[in-house]
Amino acid sequence: DDPKAFPSTPFKVKVNIPDLNFRSAPSMSGTVKGQTGKGVFTITEVIGEWGKLKSGVGWIYLANPEYCIVLK
């Protein structure tokens, strides 16, 4: 993983799908806690390709541009 692939935190991402899962941990093995819905969200921490939502509810996968794009 290249940590320079994402901006320094905090940064915003735009979720393009209505049902992007957020998880309890920054991995596909983390428990699905819910869905974000479409919109713009602030990421406060990055581990690998996962971003922590500012609200604290969980982690979203950042590396699929069809689902989620980093706003510059």
Protein backbone atom coordinates (compact mmCIF):
# COMPACT_ATOMS: atom_id res chain seq x y z
CA ASP A 1 0.00 0.00 0.00
CA ASP A 2 1.20 3.48 -0.85
CA PRO A 3 0.18 5.91 1.90
CA LYS A 4 0.78 8.80 -0.50
CA ALA A 5 -2.15 7.62 -2.62
CA PHE A 6 -4.50 9.62 -0.39
CA PRO A 7 -4.28 13.23 0.77
CA SER A 8 -3.28 14.00 4.33
CA THR A 9 -6.22 13.82 6.72
CA PRO A 10 -8.73 15.23 7.11
CA PHE A 11 -10.01 15.13 3.55
CA LYS A 12 -13.40 14.74 1.90
CA VAL A 13 -14.72 11.94 -0.25
CA LYS A 14 -17.83 11.78 -2.40
CA VAL A 15 -19.80 8.54 -2.21
CA ASN A 16 -21.61 7.83 -5.49
CA ILE A 17 -23.72 4.84 -4.45
CA PRO A 18 -26.63 4.72 -1.98
CA ASP A 19 -25.41 1.67 -0.08
CA LEU A 20 -21.66 1.89 0.59
CA ASN A 21 -20.99 -0.26 3.64
CA PHE A 22 -19.13 1.10 6.59
CA ARG A 23 -17.37 -1.41 8.80
CA SER A 24 -16.22 -1.79 12.38
CA ALA A 25 -12.58 -2.23 11.31
CA PRO A 26 -10.48 -1.15 8.30
CA SER A 27 -10.80 -4.47 6.48
CA MET A 28 -13.31 -6.56 4.54
CA SER A 29 -13.46 -8.80 7.60
CA GLY A 30 -14.78 -5.92 9.72
CA THR A 31 -18.45 -6.20 10.67
CA VAL A 32 -20.79 -4.20 8.41
CA LYS A 33 -22.35 -1.56 10.67
CA GLY A 34 -24.53 0.18 8.06
CA GLN A 35 -24.45 2.13 4.82
CA THR A 36 -23.40 5.73 4.23
CA GLY A 37 -25.85 6.73 1.52
CA LYS A 38 -24.75 9.13 -1.22
CA GLY A 39 -23.02 12.31 -0.22
CA VAL A 40 -19.79 13.95 0.87
CA PHE A 41 -18.02 12.62 3.95
CA THR A 42 -14.92 13.64 5.87
CA ILE A 43 -12.16 11.08 6.43
CA THR A 44 -10.09 11.59 9.57
CA GLU A 45 -7.72 8.61 9.42
CA VAL A 46 -6.43 6.25 6.71
CA ILE A 47 -5.20 2.70 7.19
CA GLY A 48 -4.20 1.01 3.96
CA GLU A 49 -7.06 1.69 1.53
CA TRP A 50 -9.64 2.36 4.25
CA GLY A 51 -10.81 5.69 5.62
CA LYS A 52 -12.34 6.40 9.00
CA LEU A 53 -15.54 8.45 8.88
CA LYS A 54 -15.44 11.66 10.91
CA SER A 55 -18.69 10.71 12.63
CA GLY A 56 -16.86 7.76 14.17
CA VAL A 57 -19.38 5.17 12.97
CA GLY A 58 -16.82 3.14 11.06
CA TRP A 59 -14.54 2.68 8.07
CA ILE A 60 -15.19 2.83 4.32
CA TYR A 61 -13.15 1.39 1.46
CA LEU A 62 -11.59 4.25 -0.52
CA ALA A 63 -9.93 2.45 -3.41
CA ASN A 64 -12.92 1.80 -5.70
CA PRO A 65 -13.58 4.99 -7.72
CA GLU A 66 -16.95 3.66 -8.90
CA TYR A 67 -18.15 3.87 -5.30
CA CYS A 68 -16.12 6.62 -3.72
CA ILE A 69 -13.88 9.42 -5.01
CA VAL A 70 -11.47 11.65 -3.12
CA LEU A 71 -12.27 15.32 -3.56
CA LYS A 72 -9.20 17.42 -4.30
